[in-house]
């Protein structure tokens, strides 16, 4: 499970990548940025899901 600071860092990094993605012109770099964004989204989604699940128990 992530702590609050880690969630903050992941969210900030995702925000930065999202801002940079449209301006990226190199296709290989753009693909890597996209993969990073997807990975961060998945980690945050799993964290949200685990928070919800633990609150139910």
PDB file of N, CA and C in Angstrom:
ATOM      1  N   UNK A   1       0.840  -1.176   0.000  1.00  0.00           N
ATOM      2  CA  UNK A   1       0.000   0.000   0.000  1.00  0.00           C
ATOM      3  C   UNK A   1       0.892   1.249   0.000  1.00  0.00           C
ATOM      4  N   UNK A   2       0.447   2.267  -0.677  1.00  0.00           N
ATOM      5  CA  UNK A   2       1.209   3.510  -0.767  1.00  0.00           C
ATOM      6  C   UNK A   2       0.847   4.440   0.383  1.00  0.00           C
ATOM      7  N   UNK A   3       1.840   5.206   0.821  1.00  0.00           N
ATOM      8  CA  UNK A   3       1.510   6.226   1.815  1.00  0.00           C
ATOM      9  C   UNK A   3       1.100   7.510   1.088  1.00  0.00           C
ATOM     10  N   UNK A   4       0.689   8.514   1.842  1.00  0.00           N
ATOM     11  CA  UNK A   4       0.184   9.751   1.238  1.00  0.00           C
ATOM     12  C   UNK A   4       1.226  10.445   0.366  1.00  0.00           C
ATOM     13  N   UNK A   5       2.457  10.448   0.827  1.00  0.00           N
ATOM     14  CA  UNK A   5       3.520  11.112   0.075  1.00  0.00           C
ATOM     15  C   UNK A   5       3.769  10.411  -1.261  1.00  0.00           C
ATOM     16  N   UNK A   6       3.769   9.112  -1.258  1.00  0.00           N
ATOM     17  CA  UNK A   6       3.963   8.359  -2.502  1.00  0.00           C
ATOM     18  C   UNK A   6       2.823   8.621  -3.478  1.00  0.00           C
ATOM     19  N   UNK A   7       1.621   8.658  -2.983  1.00  0.00           N
ATOM     20  CA  UNK A   7       0.469   8.969  -3.840  1.00  0.00           C
ATOM     21  C   UNK A   7       0.637  10.365  -4.437  1.00  0.00           C
ATOM     22  N   UNK A   8       1.053  11.301  -3.602  1.00  0.00           N
ATOM     23  CA  UNK A   8       1.290  12.666  -4.078  1.00  0.00           C
ATOM     24  C   UNK A   8       2.335  12.674  -5.195  1.00  0.00           C
ATOM     25  N   UNK A   9       3.456  11.979  -4.981  1.00  0.00           N
ATOM     26  CA  UNK A   9       4.527  11.945  -5.985  1.00  0.00           C
ATOM     27  C   UNK A   9       4.067  11.292  -7.284  1.00  0.00           C
ATOM     28  N   UNK A  10       3.361  10.190  -7.176  1.00  0.00           N
ATOM     29  CA  UNK A  10       2.871   9.502  -8.375  1.00  0.00           C
ATOM     30  C   UNK A  10       1.874  10.377  -9.128  1.00  0.00           C
ATOM     31  N   UNK A  11       1.013  11.039  -8.405  1.00  0.00           N
ATOM     32  CA  UNK A  11       0.010  11.907  -9.031  1.00  0.00           C
ATOM     33  C   UNK A  11       0.681  13.095  -9.717  1.00  0.00           C
ATOM     34  N   UNK A  12       1.665  13.670  -9.052  1.00  0.00           N
ATOM     35  CA  UNK A  12       2.389  14.800  -9.640  1.00  0.00           C
ATOM     36  C   UNK A  12       3.140  14.362 -10.901  1.00  0.00           C
ATOM     37  N   UNK A  13       3.784  13.222 -10.848  1.00  0.00           N
ATOM     38  CA  UNK A  13       4.517  12.719 -12.017  1.00  0.00           C
ATOM     39  C   UNK A  13       3.558  12.438 -13.175  1.00  0.00           C
ATOM     40  N   UNK A  14       2.418  11.859 -12.873  1.00  0.00           N
ATOM     41  CA  UNK A  14       1.426  11.611 -13.906  1.00  0.00           C
ATOM     42  C   UNK A  14       0.952  12.926 -14.530  1.00  0.00           C
ATOM     43  N   UNK A  15       0.739  13.915 -13.706  1.00  0.00           N
ATOM     44  CA  UNK A  15       0.320  15.225 -14.204  1.00  0.00           C
ATOM     45  C   UNK A  15       1.388  15.829 -15.117  1.00  0.00           C
ATOM     46  N   UNK A  16       2.631  15.746 -14.711  1.00  0.00           N
ATOM     47  CA  UNK A  16       3.727  16.280 -15.532  1.00  0.00           C
ATOM     48  C   UNK A  16       3.836  15.544 -16.866  1.00  0.00           C
ATOM     49  N   UNK A  17       3.734  14.234 -16.824  1.00  0.00           N
ATOM     50  CA  UNK A  17       3.803  13.456 -18.065  1.00  0.00           C
ATOM     51  C   UNK A  17       2.636  13.782 -18.983  1.00  0.00           C
ATOM     52  N   UNK A  18       1.471  13.954 -18.405  1.00  0.00           N
ATOM     53  CA  UNK A  18       0.278  14.271 -19.191  1.00  0.00           C
ATOM     54  C   UNK A  18       0.435  15.612 -19.901  1.00  0.00           C
ATOM     55  N   UNK A  19       1.052  16.566 -19.220  1.00  0.00           N
ATOM     56  CA  UNK A  19       1.294  17.880 -19.835  1.00  0.00           C
ATOM     57  C   UNK A  19       2.309  17.786 -20.976  1.00  0.00           C
ATOM     58  N   UNK A  20       3.341  16.968 -20.782  1.00  0.00           N
ATOM     59  CA  UNK A  20       4.419  16.865 -21.774  1.00  0.00           C
ATOM     60  C   UNK A  20       4.056  15.984 -22.974  1.00  0.00           C
ATOM     61  N   UNK A  21       3.156  15.064 -22.785  1.00  0.00           N
ATOM     62  CA  UNK A  21       2.849  14.087 -23.829  1.00  0.00           C
ATOM     63  C   UNK A  21       2.449  14.711 -25.164  1.00  0.00           C
ATOM     64  N   UNK A  22       1.539  15.673 -25.205  1.00  0.00           N
ATOM     65  CA  UNK A  22       1.113  16.225 -26.503  1.00  0.00           C
ATOM     66  C   UNK A  22       2.230  16.942 -27.273  1.00  0.00           C
ATOM     67  N   UNK A  23       3.224  17.445 -26.559  1.00  0.00           N
ATOM     68  CA  UNK A  23       4.284  18.197 -27.238  1.00  0.00           C
ATOM     69  C   UNK A  23       5.465  17.331 -27.664  1.00  0.00           C
ATOM     70  N   UNK A  24       5.449  16.092 -27.272  1.00  0.00           N
ATOM     71  CA  UNK A  24       6.544  15.186 -27.622  1.00  0.00           C
ATOM     72  C   UNK A  24       6.467  14.846 -29.116  1.00  0.00           C
ATOM     73  N   UNK A  25       7.594  15.005 -29.803  1.00  0.00           N
ATOM     74  CA  UNK A  25       7.592  14.760 -31.249  1.00  0.00           C
ATOM     75  C   UNK A  25       8.250  13.448 -31.649  1.00  0.00           C
ATOM     76  N   UNK A  26       9.132  12.944 -30.816  1.00  0.00           N
ATOM     77  CA  UNK A  26       9.802  11.681 -31.119  1.00  0.00           C
ATOM     78  C   UNK A  26       8.869  10.522 -30.778  1.00  0.00           C
ATOM     79  N   UNK A  27       8.588   9.681 -31.751  1.00  0.00           N
ATOM     80  CA  UNK A  27       7.601   8.612 -31.538  1.00  0.00           C
ATOM     81  C   UNK A  27       8.046   7.597 -30.485  1.00  0.00           C
ATOM     82  N   UNK A  28       9.322   7.283 -30.435  1.00  0.00           N
ATOM     83  CA  UNK A  28       9.812   6.330 -29.443  1.00  0.00           C
ATOM     84  C   UNK A  28       9.685   6.907 -28.026  1.00  0.00           C
ATOM     85  N   UNK A  29      10.067   8.151 -27.872  1.00  0.00           N
ATOM     86  CA  UNK A  29       9.940   8.815 -26.572  1.00  0.00           C
ATOM     87  C   UNK A  29       8.478   8.939 -26.182  1.00  0.00           C
ATOM     88  N   UNK A  30       7.651   9.268 -27.142  1.00  0.00           N
ATOM     89  CA  UNK A  30       6.222   9.418 -26.870  1.00  0.00           C
ATOM     90  C   UNK A  30       5.627   8.095 -26.387  1.00  0.00           C
ATOM     91  N   UNK A  31       6.046   6.999 -26.978  1.00  0.00           N
ATOM     92  CA  UNK A  31       5.570   5.687 -26.559  1.00  0.00           C
ATOM     93  C   UNK A  31       6.017   5.377 -25.132  1.00  0.00           C
ATOM     94  N   UNK A  32       7.251   5.712 -24.800  1.00  0.00           N
ATOM     95  CA  UNK A  32       7.754   5.485 -23.435  1.00  0.00           C
ATOM     96  C   UNK A  32       6.995   6.335 -22.416  1.00  0.00           C
ATOM     97  N   UNK A  33       6.737   7.572 -22.768  1.00  0.00           N
ATOM     98  CA  UNK A  33       5.974   8.459 -21.885  1.00  0.00           C
ATOM     99  C   UNK A  33       4.570   7.895 -21.677  1.00  0.00           C
ATOM    100  N   UNK A  34       3.963   7.436 -22.755  1.00  0.00           N
ATOM    101  CA  UNK A  34       2.628   6.854 -22.657  1.00  0.00           C
ATOM    102  C   UNK A  34       2.626   5.625 -21.744  1.00  0.00           C
ATOM    103  N   UNK A  35       3.620   4.776 -21.884  1.00  0.00           N
ATOM    104  CA  UNK A  35       3.714   3.584 -21.028  1.00  0.00           C
ATOM    105  C   UNK A  35       3.889   3.969 -19.561  1.00  0.00           C
ATOM    106  N   UNK A  36       4.687   4.988 -19.308  1.00  0.00           N
ATOM    107  CA  UNK A  36       4.855   5.469 -17.930  1.00  0.00           C
ATOM    108  C   UNK A  36       3.534   5.993 -17.373  1.00  0.00           C
ATOM    109  N   UNK A  37       2.810   6.732 -18.198  1.00  0.00           N
ATOM    110  CA  UNK A  37       1.521   7.264 -17.764  1.00  0.00           C
ATOM    111  C   UNK A  37       0.562   6.129 -17.411  1.00  0.00           C
ATOM    112  N   UNK A  38       0.507   5.128 -18.265  1.00  0.00           N
ATOM    113  CA  UNK A  38      -0.382   3.991 -18.013  1.00  0.00           C
ATOM    114  C   UNK A  38       0.011   3.239 -16.743  1.00  0.00           C
ATOM    115  N   UNK A  39       1.291   3.073 -16.537  1.00  0.00           N
ATOM    116  CA  UNK A  39       1.768   2.397 -15.334  1.00  0.00           C
ATOM    117  C   UNK A  39       1.393   3.183 -14.080  1.00  0.00           C
ATOM    118  N   UNK A  40       1.602   4.480 -14.103  1.00  0.00           N
ATOM    119  CA  UNK A  40       1.235   5.307 -12.952  1.00  0.00           C
ATOM    120  C   UNK A  40      -0.274   5.277 -12.703  1.00  0.00           C
ATOM    121  N   UNK A  41      -1.053   5.333 -13.775  1.00  0.00           N
ATOM    122  CA  UNK A  41      -2.514   5.249 -13.611  1.00  0.00           C
ATOM    123  C   UNK A  41      -2.927   3.929 -12.963  1.00  0.00           C
ATOM    124  N   UNK A  42      -2.294   2.853 -13.389  1.00  0.00           N
ATOM    125  CA  UNK A  42      -2.629   1.539 -12.846  1.00  0.00           C
ATOM    126  C   UNK A  42      -2.232   1.429 -11.373  1.00  0.00           C
ATOM    127  N   UNK A  43      -1.072   1.927 -11.028  1.00  0.00           N
ATOM    128  CA  UNK A  43      -0.640   1.905  -9.621  1.00  0.00           C
ATOM    129  C   UNK A  43      -1.612   2.715  -8.760  1.00  0.00           C
ATOM    130  N   UNK A  44      -1.977   3.887  -9.232  1.00  0.00           N
ATOM    131  CA  UNK A  44      -2.919   4.718  -8.476  1.00  0.00           C
ATOM    132  C   UNK A  44      -4.297   4.068  -8.402  1.00  0.00           C
ATOM    133  N   UNK A  45      -4.718   3.432  -9.482  1.00  0.00           N
ATOM    134  CA  UNK A  45      -6.016   2.756  -9.476  1.00  0.00           C
ATOM    135  C   UNK A  45      -6.005   1.605  -8.469  1.00  0.00           C
ATOM    136  N   UNK A  46      -4.942   0.834  -8.467  1.00  0.00           N
ATOM    137  CA  UNK A  46      -4.840  -0.275  -7.515  1.00  0.00           C
ATOM    138  C   UNK A  46      -4.783   0.236  -6.081  1.00  0.00           C
ATOM    139  N   UNK A  47      -4.115   1.331  -5.895  1.00  0.00           N
ATOM    140  CA  UNK A  47      -4.065   1.931  -4.556  1.00  0.00           C
ATOM    141  C   UNK A  47      -5.461   2.353  -4.115  1.00  0.00           C
ATOM    142  N   UNK A  48      -6.189   3.036  -4.986  1.00  0.00           N
ATOM    143  CA  UNK A  48      -7.557   3.453  -4.658  1.00  0.00           C
ATOM    144  C   UNK A  48      -8.429   2.251  -4.344  1.00  0.00           C
ATOM    145  N   UNK A  49      -8.276   1.218  -5.130  1.00  0.00           N
ATOM    146  CA  UNK A  49      -9.061   0.005  -4.912  1.00  0.00           C
ATOM    147  C   UNK A  49      -8.716  -0.645  -3.569  1.00  0.00           C
ATOM    148  N   UNK A  50      -7.442  -0.687  -3.229  1.00  0.00           N
ATOM    149  CA  UNK A  50      -7.030  -1.298  -1.962  1.00  0.00           C
ATOM    150  C   UNK A  50      -7.499  -0.463  -0.785  1.00  0.00           C
ATOM    151  N   UNK A  51      -7.502   0.851  -0.935  1.00  0.00           N
ATOM    152  CA  UNK A  51      -8.018   1.738   0.129  1.00  0.00           C
ATOM    153  C   UNK A  51      -9.501   1.462   0.353  1.00  0.00           C
ATOM    154  N   UNK A  52     -10.235   1.334  -0.730  1.00  0.00           N
ATOM    155  CA  UNK A  52     -11.666   1.068  -0.630  1.00  0.00           C
ATOM    156  C   UNK A  52     -11.891  -0.299   0.017  1.00  0.00           C
ATOM    157  N   UNK A  53     -11.163  -1.284  -0.419  1.00  0.00           N
ATOM    158  CA  UNK A  53     -11.309  -2.644   0.097  1.00  0.00           C
ATOM    159  C   UNK A  53     -10.974  -2.700   1.591  1.00  0.00           C
ATOM    160  N   UNK A  54      -9.906  -2.037   2.012  1.00  0.00           N
ATOM    161  CA  UNK A  54      -9.524  -2.068   3.428  1.00  0.00           C
ATOM    162  C   UNK A  54     -10.536  -1.341   4.296  1.00  0.00           C
ATOM    163  N   UNK A  55     -11.197  -0.333   3.748  1.00  0.00           N
ATOM    164  CA  UNK A  55     -12.219   0.386   4.529  1.00  0.00           C
ATOM    165  C   UNK A  55     -13.483  -0.464   4.725  1.00  0.00           C
ATOM    166  N   UNK A  56     -13.689  -1.425   3.844  1.00  0.00           N
ATOM    167  CA  UNK A  56     -14.849  -2.300   3.984  1.00  0.00           C
ATOM    168  C   UNK A  56     -14.643  -3.386   5.038  1.00  0.00           C
ATOM    169  N   UNK A  57     -13.418  -3.704   5.313  1.00  0.00           N
ATOM    170  CA  UNK A  57     -13.138  -4.791   6.257  1.00  0.00           C
ATOM    171  C   UNK A  57     -13.209  -4.341   7.694  1.00  0.00           C
TER     172      UNK A  57
END
